[in-house]
Protein backbone atom coordinates (compact mmCIF):
# COMPACT_ATOMS: atom_id res chain seq x y z
CA MET A 1 64.27 24.20 253.66
CA VAL A 2 64.65 27.87 252.69
CA THR A 3 63.12 30.12 250.08
CA ILE A 4 64.60 33.57 249.54
CA GLY A 5 63.33 36.85 248.09
CA VAL A 6 61.83 40.25 248.80
CA PHE A 7 58.32 38.87 248.15
CA ASP A 8 56.78 42.35 248.06
CA GLY A 9 53.13 41.95 247.19
CA MET A 10 53.06 38.19 247.69
CA HIS A 11 51.51 37.99 244.23
CA ARG A 12 50.39 34.82 242.43
CA GLY A 13 53.94 33.98 241.35
CA HIS A 14 55.18 34.30 244.92
CA VAL A 15 52.30 32.17 246.18
CA GLN A 16 53.23 29.41 243.72
CA LEU A 17 56.88 29.56 244.83
CA VAL A 18 56.11 29.57 248.56
CA GLY A 19 53.57 26.80 248.09
CA GLN A 20 56.22 24.61 246.47
CA ALA A 21 58.65 25.39 249.30
CA VAL A 22 56.04 24.43 251.90
CA ARG A 23 55.33 21.13 250.10
CA ARG A 24 59.01 20.26 249.91
CA ALA A 25 59.54 21.07 253.58
CA ARG A 26 56.67 18.78 254.59
CA GLU A 27 57.85 15.97 252.31
CA MET A 28 61.30 16.08 253.89
CA GLY A 29 60.12 16.64 257.44
CA LEU A 30 62.04 19.92 257.67
CA PRO A 31 61.02 23.33 259.02
CA GLY A 32 60.16 25.76 256.24
CA VAL A 33 61.89 29.16 256.34
CA LEU A 34 61.08 32.16 254.17
CA MET A 35 63.94 34.67 254.15
CA THR A 36 63.22 38.24 253.14
CA PHE A 37 64.98 41.58 253.54
CA ASP A 38 64.32 44.98 255.08
CA PRO A 39 64.79 47.66 253.92
CA HIS A 40 64.31 46.92 250.24
CA PRO A 41 67.75 46.14 248.74
CA SER A 42 67.33 48.90 246.13
CA GLU A 43 67.27 51.54 248.85
CA VAL A 44 70.66 50.40 250.14
CA VAL A 45 72.34 49.78 246.79
CA ARG A 46 70.90 52.91 245.12
CA PRO A 47 69.67 55.31 247.85
CA GLY A 48 66.46 57.05 246.87
CA SER A 49 65.42 54.36 244.39
CA ARG A 50 63.29 52.24 246.71
CA PRO A 51 60.13 51.13 244.86
CA ALA A 52 56.69 51.69 246.31
CA GLN A 53 55.83 49.02 248.88
CA LEU A 54 52.96 46.72 247.93
CA THR A 55 52.76 44.96 251.29
CA THR A 56 54.06 45.78 254.74
CA LEU A 57 56.29 43.23 256.45
CA ARG A 58 53.48 42.41 258.86
CA ARG A 59 51.07 41.77 255.98
CA ARG A 60 53.65 39.61 254.19
CA ALA A 61 54.10 37.58 257.37
CA GLU A 62 50.33 37.05 257.62
CA LEU A 63 50.09 35.88 254.01
CA VAL A 64 53.10 33.59 254.33
CA GLU A 65 51.72 32.03 257.51
CA ALA A 66 48.39 31.39 255.76
CA LEU A 67 50.30 29.40 253.11
CA GLY A 68 51.75 27.14 255.81
CA MET A 69 55.30 28.50 256.06
CA GLU A 70 56.64 28.02 259.57
CA VAL A 71 59.31 30.72 259.84
CA PHE A 72 59.27 34.28 258.47
CA LEU A 73 62.87 35.46 258.69
CA VAL A 74 63.68 39.14 258.07
CA LEU A 75 67.35 39.77 257.35
CA PRO A 76 68.42 43.42 257.80
CA PHE A 77 69.75 44.52 254.42
CA THR A 78 72.81 46.62 255.21
CA VAL A 79 75.63 48.09 253.14
CA GLU A 80 77.85 45.31 254.50
CA LEU A 81 75.41 42.64 253.36
CA SER A 82 75.13 44.26 249.92
CA ARG A 83 78.91 43.96 249.53
CA MET A 84 79.09 40.31 250.59
CA PRO A 85 80.29 38.05 247.75
CA ALA A 86 77.78 35.45 246.58
CA ASP A 87 79.75 32.44 247.83
CA GLU A 88 80.29 34.08 251.22
CA PHE A 89 76.55 34.77 251.55
CA VAL A 90 75.80 31.13 250.89
CA HIS A 91 78.42 29.85 253.33
CA GLU A 92 77.79 32.30 256.19
CA VAL A 93 74.02 32.75 255.98
CA LEU A 94 72.60 29.59 254.42
CA VAL A 95 75.10 26.97 255.57
CA GLU A 96 76.59 28.20 258.86
CA ARG A 97 73.48 29.91 260.28
CA LEU A 98 70.57 27.98 258.78
CA HIS A 99 72.14 24.58 257.99
CA VAL A 100 70.05 24.52 254.83
CA ALA A 101 69.20 21.25 253.06
CA VAL A 102 67.03 22.55 250.22
CA VAL A 103 66.72 26.02 248.66
CA VAL A 104 63.67 26.87 246.52
CA VAL A 105 63.93 30.08 244.47
CA GLY A 106 62.66 31.62 241.26
CA GLU A 107 64.79 31.01 238.18
CA ASN A 108 65.53 34.77 238.00
CA PHE A 109 66.90 34.84 241.57
CA THR A 110 70.14 36.80 242.06
CA PHE A 111 72.23 37.33 245.17
CA GLY A 112 75.58 38.55 246.44
CA HIS A 113 77.61 41.66 245.65
CA LYS A 114 76.38 43.37 242.46
CA ALA A 115 73.86 40.51 242.07
CA ALA A 116 76.70 38.34 240.75
CA GLY A 117 75.10 35.11 241.98
CA ASN A 118 72.31 33.31 240.14
CA THR A 119 70.54 29.97 240.35
CA GLU A 120 73.31 28.19 238.43
CA LEU A 121 75.97 29.42 240.87
CA LEU A 122 73.67 28.49 243.74
CA ARG A 123 73.47 24.92 242.39
CA ILE A 124 77.28 24.75 242.12
CA LEU A 125 77.66 25.98 245.70
CA GLY A 126 74.96 23.56 246.78
CA ARG A 127 76.98 20.64 245.51
CA ARG A 128 80.00 21.98 247.42
CA PHE A 129 78.18 22.51 250.71
CA GLY A 130 75.69 19.66 250.57
CA PHE A 131 72.30 21.20 249.76
CA THR A 132 70.02 20.99 246.73
CA VAL A 133 68.48 23.82 244.74
CA GLU A 134 65.09 23.95 243.04
CA GLY A 135 64.50 26.80 240.60
CA MET A 136 60.95 27.62 239.54
CA GLY A 137 59.95 29.43 236.36
CA LEU A 138 58.05 32.71 236.52
CA LEU A 139 54.27 32.49 236.55
CA SER A 140 52.71 33.89 233.37
CA HIS A 141 49.28 34.43 231.88
CA GLY A 142 49.49 34.68 228.11
CA GLU A 143 52.22 37.21 227.35
CA LEU A 144 51.98 38.71 230.84
CA THR A 145 54.47 37.65 233.51
CA PHE A 146 53.35 38.39 237.05
CA SER A 147 55.84 40.58 238.88
CA SER A 148 55.91 43.23 241.61
CA THR A 149 57.06 45.78 239.01
CA TYR A 150 54.03 45.07 236.80
CA ILE A 151 51.66 45.35 239.76
CA ARG A 152 53.18 48.69 240.81
CA SER A 153 52.61 50.00 237.29
CA CYS A 154 48.93 48.97 237.49
CA ILE A 155 48.51 50.74 240.83
CA ASP A 156 50.30 53.86 239.55
CA ALA A 157 47.76 53.94 236.71
CA GLY A 158 44.81 53.40 239.05
CA ASP A 159 44.02 50.02 237.48
CA VAL A 160 43.34 48.26 240.77
CA ALA A 161 41.34 45.51 239.03
CA ALA A 162 44.42 44.47 236.97
CA ALA A 163 46.57 44.66 240.11
CA ALA A 164 44.12 42.40 241.93
CA ALA A 165 44.20 39.88 239.06
CA ALA A 166 47.99 39.61 239.37
CA LEU A 167 48.01 39.63 243.16
CA GLY A 168 45.26 37.06 243.51
CA ARG A 169 43.46 39.43 245.91
CA ALA A 170 42.71 43.15 246.21
CA HIS A 171 45.60 45.59 246.70
CA ARG A 172 45.66 46.72 250.32
CA VAL A 173 46.73 50.03 251.83
CA GLU A 174 47.00 50.29 255.60
CA GLY A 175 47.22 53.34 257.83
CA ILE A 176 46.34 55.14 261.03
CA VAL A 177 43.28 57.41 260.97
CA VAL A 178 44.24 61.02 261.73
CA ARG A 179 42.32 64.29 261.83
CA GLY A 180 41.85 66.14 258.56
CA ASP A 181 40.10 69.42 257.71
CA GLN A 182 36.69 68.14 258.88
CA ARG A 183 35.32 69.38 255.54
CA GLY A 184 33.72 66.05 254.69
CA ARG A 185 31.41 66.20 257.68
CA SER A 186 30.17 69.68 256.66
CA LEU A 187 29.32 68.21 253.23
CA GLY A 188 27.41 65.31 254.77
CA TYR A 189 30.17 62.79 254.04
CA PRO A 190 32.50 62.45 257.04
CA THR A 191 35.72 60.67 256.08
CA ALA A 192 38.49 58.73 257.79
CA ASN A 193 41.79 60.35 256.75
CA LEU A 194 44.57 57.73 256.58
CA LEU A 195 48.18 58.38 257.48
CA THR A 196 49.88 55.74 255.32
CA PRO A 197 53.41 54.30 255.55
CA ARG A 198 56.06 56.40 253.82
CA TYR A 199 56.68 54.06 250.89
CA ALA A 200 53.17 52.63 250.52
CA ALA A 201 51.97 52.00 246.95
CA ILE A 202 49.04 54.43 246.76
CA PRO A 203 46.82 54.19 243.67
CA ALA A 204 46.55 57.08 241.22
CA ASP A 205 44.40 60.06 242.17
CA GLY A 206 40.72 59.29 241.87
CA VAL A 207 37.74 57.76 243.64
CA TYR A 208 37.59 54.03 244.41
CA ALA A 209 35.17 51.46 245.80
CA CYS A 210 36.91 49.68 248.68
CA ARG A 211 36.50 47.26 251.50
CA PHE A 212 37.25 49.04 254.79
CA LEU A 213 38.81 46.71 257.36
CA HIS A 214 38.76 47.68 261.04
CA ARG A 215 39.67 45.11 263.67
CA CYS A 216 37.44 42.13 262.85
CA ARG A 217 34.96 44.08 260.73
CA GLU A 218 34.73 44.31 256.96
CA LEU A 219 32.84 47.44 255.90
CA VAL A 220 32.31 49.23 252.58
CA ALA A 221 33.75 52.62 251.67
CA ALA A 222 34.05 55.12 248.84
CA VAL A 223 37.64 56.35 248.93
CA SER A 224 39.05 59.58 247.55
CA ILE A 225 42.76 59.93 246.75
CA GLY A 226 44.19 63.30 245.77
CA THR A 227 44.67 66.92 246.80
CA ASN A 228 40.98 67.91 246.91
CA PRO A 229 41.20 70.34 243.96
CA THR A 230 37.70 71.76 244.52
CA PHE A 231 39.04 73.41 247.68
CA SER A 232 42.52 74.15 246.25
CA GLY A 233 44.20 71.56 248.43
CA SER A 234 47.92 70.89 248.16
CA GLU A 235 48.42 67.80 250.36
CA ARG A 236 47.74 64.40 248.77
CA ARG A 237 45.39 62.44 251.01
CA VAL A 238 43.63 59.11 251.27
CA GLU A 239 40.11 59.68 252.64
CA ALA A 240 37.50 56.98 253.17
CA PHE A 241 33.76 57.53 253.54
CA VAL A 242 32.41 54.42 255.27
CA LEU A 243 28.87 53.68 254.13
CA ASP A 244 26.07 53.66 256.70
CA LEU A 245 28.33 54.13 259.71
CA ASP A 246 29.10 57.30 261.66
CA GLU A 247 31.93 56.25 263.91
CA ASP A 248 35.09 57.88 265.26
CA PHE A 249 38.12 55.98 263.93
CA TYR A 250 40.75 58.49 265.09
CA GLY A 251 43.94 56.79 266.21
CA GLU A 252 42.78 53.41 264.91
CA ARG A 253 44.69 51.24 262.43
CA VAL A 254 42.54 50.40 259.41
CA ALA A 255 43.08 48.89 255.97
CA LEU A 256 41.58 49.52 252.54
CA ASP A 257 41.21 46.77 249.94
CA PHE A 258 40.84 48.48 246.54
CA VAL A 259 38.16 46.81 244.41
CA GLU A 260 37.42 49.19 241.54
CA ARG A 261 38.24 52.68 240.31
CA LEU A 262 35.08 54.74 239.93
CA ARG A 263 36.51 57.88 238.31
CA GLY A 264 39.46 60.24 238.14
CA MET A 265 39.93 63.24 240.39
CA CYS A 266 37.99 66.32 239.26
CA ARG A 267 37.70 69.95 240.25
CA PHE A 268 34.12 71.19 240.71
CA ASP A 269 33.00 74.81 240.52
CA THR A 270 30.81 74.62 243.63
CA PRO A 271 30.54 72.43 246.73
CA GLU A 272 27.04 71.49 245.60
CA GLN A 273 28.37 69.98 242.39
CA LEU A 274 30.93 68.02 244.40
CA VAL A 275 28.24 66.66 246.73
CA ALA A 276 26.12 65.59 243.74
CA GLN A 277 29.10 63.67 242.36
CA ILE A 278 29.80 62.07 245.74
CA ASP A 279 26.16 60.97 245.84
CA GLU A 280 26.76 59.19 242.55
CA ASP A 281 30.06 57.68 243.74
CA VAL A 282 28.39 56.26 246.84
CA ALA A 283 25.50 54.87 244.80
CA ARG A 284 27.92 53.08 242.45
CA THR A 285 29.83 51.71 245.43
CA ARG A 286 26.58 50.32 246.87
CA THR A 287 25.81 48.63 243.55
CA LEU A 288 29.29 47.07 243.33
CA PHE A 289 29.01 45.58 246.78
CA ASP A 290 25.28 44.81 246.45
CA GLN A 291 24.56 47.05 249.42
CA PRO A 292 20.91 48.07 249.94
């Protein structure tokens, strides 16, 4: 049993699709396989057009495993693969390599050179090669259809609450903590400066209340995203002030789950005005997380 897609974000629509695939695999006594691609097909077909990445491959694998899928298969998306005709993809990849019995995909699924294949062609090829195809409709809420594109637009706008509603969980950004300007410590608010993956979907500039995940700990943080205009900065950064903890995170991998946007990015005339605003940001973060 195979389900196929990029699955970036593993949003509520993806969860519904994967859940159905897992159920069908168990009913038939077959191993469940989720096939995804890396890099994103857009980057290969139209270089420079790769969309912001909502979830890393490792995070996708974790989420898929939690849903009960047995195999997380990453197929390298190459120029050669992008040029493979739809029927050849089915024969060589699904039939010859995976010996597929059932394919579960979204009704808008496309595949093959120039995305010429669709679910109807997949059903025709299934009858030829001896497998069945189940197409699932897109998950909607009112007039809104959940999609990775919609979620990226929410994150670009800083609306992390709307993104979380479509994802079914908070949007997460991961990174390695690196040394910054050390300015936060001089202001009384030392921060962990995250080096994020190149294509990570970073929310719009502003200040956010976040969960700060380090190893097995879940902490609370006020997070600033932007160029630090008060000090005429030019480099866009993601900086997290972890509440009630003065700890060296340098070199450590951490993650931020974005819960709510507190405000936009502002330029203050003096450092004292900035500190007063940070005081307020931290107080609001405490209230959101019911922290004493």
